[in-house]
Structures are given as structure tokens and as C-alpha cells.
PDB file of N, CA and C in Angstrom:
ATOM      1  N   MET A   1     -85.087 -17.028   6.081  1.00  0.00           N
ATOM      2  CA  MET A   1     -85.300 -16.071   7.149  1.00  0.00           C
ATOM      3  C   MET A   1     -84.431 -16.436   8.357  1.00  0.00           C
ATOM      4  N   PHE A   2     -84.483 -17.684   8.769  1.00  0.00           N
ATOM      5  CA  PHE A   2     -83.710 -18.116   9.934  1.00  0.00           C
ATOM      6  C   PHE A   2     -82.212 -18.033   9.661  1.00  0.00           C
ATOM      7  N   ILE A   3     -81.800 -18.457   8.462  1.00  0.00           N
ATOM      8  CA  ILE A   3     -80.380 -18.442   8.115  1.00  0.00           C
ATOM      9  C   ILE A   3     -79.867 -17.003   8.066  1.00  0.00           C
ATOM     10  N   GLN A   4     -80.665 -16.094   7.573  1.00  0.00           N
ATOM     11  CA  GLN A   4     -80.268 -14.686   7.521  1.00  0.00           C
ATOM     12  C   GLN A   4     -80.064 -14.133   8.938  1.00  0.00           C
ATOM     13  N   ASN A   5     -80.919 -14.510   9.872  1.00  0.00           N
ATOM     14  CA  ASN A   5     -80.772 -14.059  11.258  1.00  0.00           C
ATOM     15  C   ASN A   5     -79.500 -14.617  11.878  1.00  0.00           C
ATOM     16  N   VAL A   6     -79.183 -15.862  11.583  1.00  0.00           N
ATOM     17  CA  VAL A   6     -77.965 -16.473  12.110  1.00  0.00           C
ATOM     18  C   VAL A   6     -76.734 -15.770  11.549  1.00  0.00           C
ATOM     19  N   VAL A   7     -76.740 -15.482  10.267  1.00  0.00           N
ATOM     20  CA  VAL A   7     -75.614 -14.789   9.640  1.00  0.00           C
ATOM     21  C   VAL A   7     -75.467 -13.387  10.220  1.00  0.00           C
ATOM     22  N   ASP A   8     -76.547 -12.662  10.370  1.00  0.00           N
ATOM     23  CA  ASP A   8     -76.497 -11.319  10.953  1.00  0.00           C
ATOM     24  C   ASP A   8     -75.950 -11.363  12.378  1.00  0.00           C
ATOM     25  N   PHE A   9     -76.437 -12.304  13.169  1.00  0.00           N
ATOM     26  CA  PHE A   9     -75.971 -12.424  14.545  1.00  0.00           C
ATOM     27  C   PHE A   9     -74.476 -12.731  14.591  1.00  0.00           C
ATOM     28  N   THR A  10     -74.029 -13.631  13.732  1.00  0.00           N
ATOM     29  CA  THR A  10     -72.616 -14.008  13.703  1.00  0.00           C
ATOM     30  C   THR A  10     -71.740 -12.821  13.324  1.00  0.00           C
ATOM     31  N   LEU A  11     -72.149 -12.058  12.339  1.00  0.00           N
ATOM     32  CA  LEU A  11     -71.362 -10.892  11.922  1.00  0.00           C
ATOM     33  C   LEU A  11     -71.293  -9.834  13.019  1.00  0.00           C
ATOM     34  N   ILE A  12     -72.401  -9.576  13.663  1.00  0.00           N
ATOM     35  CA  ILE A  12     -72.430  -8.581  14.734  1.00  0.00           C
ATOM     36  C   ILE A  12     -71.602  -9.053  15.925  1.00  0.00           C
ATOM     37  N   ALA A  13     -71.724 -10.332  16.273  1.00  0.00           N
ATOM     38  CA  ALA A  13     -70.946 -10.876  17.395  1.00  0.00           C
ATOM     39  C   ALA A  13     -69.454 -10.801  17.094  1.00  0.00           C
ATOM     40  N   PHE A  14     -69.058 -11.102  15.866  1.00  0.00           N
ATOM     41  CA  PHE A  14     -67.644 -11.030  15.489  1.00  0.00           C
ATOM     42  C   PHE A  14     -67.129  -9.591  15.550  1.00  0.00           C
ATOM     43  N   ALA A  15     -67.923  -8.653  15.094  1.00  0.00           N
ATOM     44  CA  ALA A  15     -67.518  -7.242  15.129  1.00  0.00           C
ATOM     45  C   ALA A  15     -67.331  -6.759  16.568  1.00  0.00           C
ATOM     46  N   ILE A  16     -68.234  -7.146  17.445  1.00  0.00           N
ATOM     47  CA  ILE A  16     -68.113  -6.766  18.858  1.00  0.00           C
ATOM     48  C   ILE A  16     -66.885  -7.417  19.476  1.00  0.00           C
ATOM     49  N   PHE A  17     -66.645  -8.684  19.148  1.00  0.00           N
ATOM     50  CA  PHE A  17     -65.485  -9.403  19.669  1.00  0.00           C
ATOM     51  C   PHE A  17     -64.187  -8.720  19.257  1.00  0.00           C
ATOM     52  N   VAL A  18     -64.068  -8.360  17.996  1.00  0.00           N
ATOM     53  CA  VAL A  18     -62.859  -7.716  17.493  1.00  0.00           C
ATOM     54  C   VAL A  18     -62.657  -6.352  18.148  1.00  0.00           C
ATOM     55  N   SER A  19     -63.722  -5.602  18.328  1.00  0.00           N
ATOM     56  CA  SER A  19     -63.579  -4.276  18.940  1.00  0.00           C
ATOM     57  C   SER A  19     -63.170  -4.389  20.403  1.00  0.00           C
ATOM     58  N   ILE A  20     -63.702  -5.347  21.127  1.00  0.00           N
ATOM     59  CA  ILE A  20     -63.318  -5.523  22.527  1.00  0.00           C
ATOM     60  C   ILE A  20     -61.868  -5.969  22.639  1.00  0.00           C
ATOM     61  N   LYS A  21     -61.433  -6.864  21.765  1.00  0.00           N
ATOM     62  CA  LYS A  21     -60.034  -7.297  21.774  1.00  0.00           C
ATOM     63  C   LYS A  21     -59.111  -6.105  21.501  1.00  0.00           C
ATOM     64  N   GLY A  22     -59.485  -5.243  20.588  1.00  0.00           N
ATOM     65  CA  GLY A  22     -58.673  -4.069  20.280  1.00  0.00           C
ATOM     66  C   GLY A  22     -58.567  -3.126  21.463  1.00  0.00           C
ATOM     67  N   ILE A  23     -59.660  -2.907  22.151  1.00  0.00           N
ATOM     68  CA  ILE A  23     -59.654  -2.037  23.323  1.00  0.00           C
ATOM     69  C   ILE A  23     -58.782  -2.630  24.426  1.00  0.00           C
ATOM     70  N   GLN A  24     -58.864  -3.934  24.630  1.00  0.00           N
ATOM     71  CA  GLN A  24     -58.061  -4.582  25.658  1.00  0.00           C
ATOM     72  C   GLN A  24     -56.575  -4.491  25.342  1.00  0.00           C
ATOM     73  N   SER A  25     -56.210  -4.661  24.088  1.00  0.00           N
ATOM     74  CA  SER A  25     -54.796  -4.573  23.734  1.00  0.00           C
ATOM     75  C   SER A  25     -54.265  -3.161  23.940  1.00  0.00           C
ATOM     76  N   LEU A  26     -55.083  -2.139  23.690  1.00  0.00           N
ATOM     77  CA  LEU A  26     -54.651  -0.764  23.929  1.00  0.00           C
ATOM     78  C   LEU A  26     -54.449  -0.507  25.419  1.00  0.00           C
ATOM     79  N   LYS A  27     -55.337  -1.054  26.244  1.00  0.00           N
ATOM     80  CA  LYS A  27     -55.195  -0.874  27.682  1.00  0.00           C
ATOM     81  C   LYS A  27     -53.946  -1.559  28.202  1.00  0.00           C
ATOM     82  N   LYS A  28     -53.610  -2.726  27.680  1.00  0.00           N
ATOM     83  CA  LYS A  28     -52.407  -3.438  28.114  1.00  0.00           C
ATOM     84  C   LYS A  28     -51.162  -2.648  27.762  1.00  0.00           C
ATOM     85  N   LYS A  29     -51.140  -2.037  26.578  1.00  0.00           N
ATOM     86  CA  LYS A  29     -49.989  -1.241  26.172  1.00  0.00           C
ATOM     87  C   LYS A  29     -49.819  -0.038  27.085  1.00  0.00           C
ATOM     88  N   GLU A  30     -50.918   0.582  27.502  1.00  0.00           N
ATOM     89  CA  GLU A  30     -50.843   1.729  28.409  1.00  0.00           C
ATOM     90  C   GLU A  30     -50.321   1.307  29.768  1.00  0.00           C
ATOM     91  N   GLU A  31     -50.754   0.146  30.270  1.00  0.00           N
ATOM     92  CA  GLU A  31     -50.301  -0.334  31.569  1.00  0.00           C
ATOM     93  C   GLU A  31     -48.813  -0.636  31.547  1.00  0.00           C
ATOM     94  N   VAL A  32     -48.317  -1.217  30.470  1.00  0.00           N
ATOM     95  CA  VAL A  32     -46.900  -1.541  30.365  1.00  0.00           C
ATOM     96  C   VAL A  32     -46.076  -0.272  30.353  1.00  0.00           C
ATOM     97  N   SER A  33     -46.518   0.744  29.627  1.00  0.00           N
ATOM     98  CA  SER A  33     -45.757   1.990  29.571  1.00  0.00           C
ATOM     99  C   SER A  33     -45.790   2.715  30.918  1.00  0.00           C
ATOM    100  N   GLU A  34     -46.894   2.619  31.659  1.00  0.00           N
ATOM    101  CA  GLU A  34     -46.969   3.247  32.971  1.00  0.00           C
ATOM    102  C   GLU A  34     -46.058   2.538  33.965  1.00  0.00           C
ATOM    103  N   GLU A  35     -45.949   1.220  33.885  1.00  0.00           N
ATOM    104  CA  GLU A  35     -45.104   0.466  34.813  1.00  0.00           C
ATOM    105  C   GLU A  35     -43.636   0.823  34.616  1.00  0.00           C
ATOM    106  N   LYS A  36     -43.241   1.091  33.398  1.00  0.00           N
ATOM    107  CA  LYS A  36     -41.847   1.409  33.127  1.00  0.00           C
ATOM    108  C   LYS A  36     -41.466   2.777  33.662  1.00  0.00           C
ATOM    109  N   THR A  37     -42.387   3.727  33.696  1.00  0.00           N
ATOM    110  CA  THR A  37     -42.051   5.084  34.098  1.00  0.00           C
ATOM    111  C   THR A  37     -42.088   5.283  35.615  1.00  0.00           C
ATOM    112  N   VAL A  38     -42.813   4.450  36.331  1.00  0.00           N
ATOM    113  CA  VAL A  38     -42.940   4.610  37.772  1.00  0.00           C
ATOM    114  C   VAL A  38     -41.749   3.964  38.460  1.00  0.00           C
ATOM    115  N   ALA A  39     -41.010   4.751  39.232  1.00  0.00           N
ATOM    116  CA  ALA A  39     -39.860   4.246  39.961  1.00  0.00           C
ATOM    117  C   ALA A  39     -40.211   4.170  41.450  1.00  0.00           C
ATOM    118  N   THR A  40     -39.859   3.070  42.075  1.00  0.00           N
ATOM    119  CA  THR A  40     -40.135   2.913  43.499  1.00  0.00           C
ATOM    120  C   THR A  40     -39.105   3.687  44.301  1.00  0.00           C
ATOM    121  N   SER A  41     -39.373   3.831  45.580  1.00  0.00           N
ATOM    122  CA  SER A  41     -38.450   4.569  46.442  1.00  0.00           C
ATOM    123  C   SER A  41     -37.112   3.846  46.530  1.00  0.00           C
ATOM    124  N   THR A  42     -37.112   2.535  46.502  1.00  0.00           N
ATOM    125  CA  THR A  42     -35.871   1.775  46.550  1.00  0.00           C
ATOM    126  C   THR A  42     -35.030   2.046  45.306  1.00  0.00           C
ATOM    127  N   GLU A  43     -35.693   2.082  44.149  1.00  0.00           N
ATOM    128  CA  GLU A  43     -34.967   2.363  42.923  1.00  0.00           C
ATOM    129  C   GLU A  43     -34.377   3.764  42.945  1.00  0.00           C
ATOM    130  N   LYS A  44     -35.114   4.713  43.482  1.00  0.00           N
ATOM    131  CA  LYS A  44     -34.598   6.084  43.560  1.00  0.00           C
ATOM    132  C   LYS A  44     -33.375   6.156  44.454  1.00  0.00           C
ATOM    133  N   LEU A  45     -33.424   5.451  45.600  1.00  0.00           N
ATOM    134  CA  LEU A  45     -32.275   5.445  46.502  1.00  0.00           C
ATOM    135  C   LEU A  45     -31.068   4.791  45.846  1.00  0.00           C
ATOM    136  N   LEU A  46     -31.285   3.698  45.137  1.00  0.00           N
ATOM    137  CA  LEU A  46     -30.174   3.026  44.461  1.00  0.00           C
ATOM    138  C   LEU A  46     -29.575   3.916  43.376  1.00  0.00           C
ATOM    139  N   GLU A  47     -30.400   4.672  42.686  1.00  0.00           N
ATOM    140  CA  GLU A  47     -29.884   5.592  41.667  1.00  0.00           C
ATOM    141  C   GLU A  47     -29.049   6.693  42.304  1.00  0.00           C
ATOM    142  N   GLU A  48     -29.482   7.181  43.469  1.00  0.00           N
ATOM    143  CA  GLU A  48     -28.717   8.215  44.161  1.00  0.00           C
ATOM    144  C   GLU A  48     -27.366   7.671  44.611  1.00  0.00           C
ATOM    145  N   VAL A  49     -27.362   6.445  45.127  1.00  0.00           N
ATOM    146  CA  VAL A  49     -26.103   5.833  45.563  1.00  0.00           C
ATOM    147  C   VAL A  49     -25.180   5.640  44.361  1.00  0.00           C
ATOM    148  N   ARG A  50     -25.726   5.185  43.247  1.00  0.00           N
ATOM    149  CA  ARG A  50     -24.929   4.994  42.034  1.00  0.00           C
ATOM    150  C   ARG A  50     -24.323   6.305  41.578  1.00  0.00           C
ATOM    151  N   ASP A  51     -25.112   7.361  41.612  1.00  0.00           N
ATOM    152  CA  ASP A  51     -24.628   8.659  41.184  1.00  0.00           C
ATOM    153  C   ASP A  51     -23.531   9.175  42.113  1.00  0.00           C
ATOM    154  N   LEU A  52     -23.693   8.935  43.401  1.00  0.00           N
ATOM    155  CA  LEU A  52     -22.663   9.366  44.356  1.00  0.00           C
ATOM    156  C   LEU A  52     -21.371   8.575  44.165  1.00  0.00           C
ATOM    157  N   LEU A  53     -21.484   7.308  43.848  1.00  0.00           N
ATOM    158  CA  LEU A  53     -20.292   6.498  43.644  1.00  0.00           C
ATOM    159  C   LEU A  53     -19.548   6.882  42.360  1.00  0.00           C
ATOM    160  N   LYS A  54     -20.276   7.380  41.385  1.00  0.00           N
ATOM    161  CA  LYS A  54     -19.631   7.803  40.142  1.00  0.00           C
ATOM    162  C   LYS A  54     -18.749   9.025  40.364  1.00  0.00           C
ATOM    163  N   LYS A  55     -19.086   9.851  41.336  1.00  0.00           N
ATOM    164  CA  LYS A  55     -18.324  11.086  41.593  1.00  0.00           C
ATOM    165  C   LYS A  55     -17.031  10.753  42.193  1.00  0.00           C
TER     166      LYS A  55
END
């Protein structure tokens, strides 16, 4: 009886752990993709200067 409870608890804890790790990894991927798309005002100005110099 006691061993069965320990095994059940371990399996449930492992399943919760794996699901939380998966959710965290998805959130990190979203943050990385958002950081790449956001351009600061300085970057925008530098791009404009670069474009003007190309002309």
C-alpha cells in the first residue's frame, strides 16, 4: 500500500515536472522571437542613415 502511493506520487510529480518544463521552453522561444523583431529607435535611425548613404 505504501509503496504503491510512493510510486503514484513519483509518476504524477514527474509528469507535472515535464509539462512545466515544456511550457517554460515554449515561453523562452516566444521571447527570443519577439526580441529579434523589435527594433529600437537607435536601430531605426542607423538603418535610415545606411539607406541614405547607399543612394
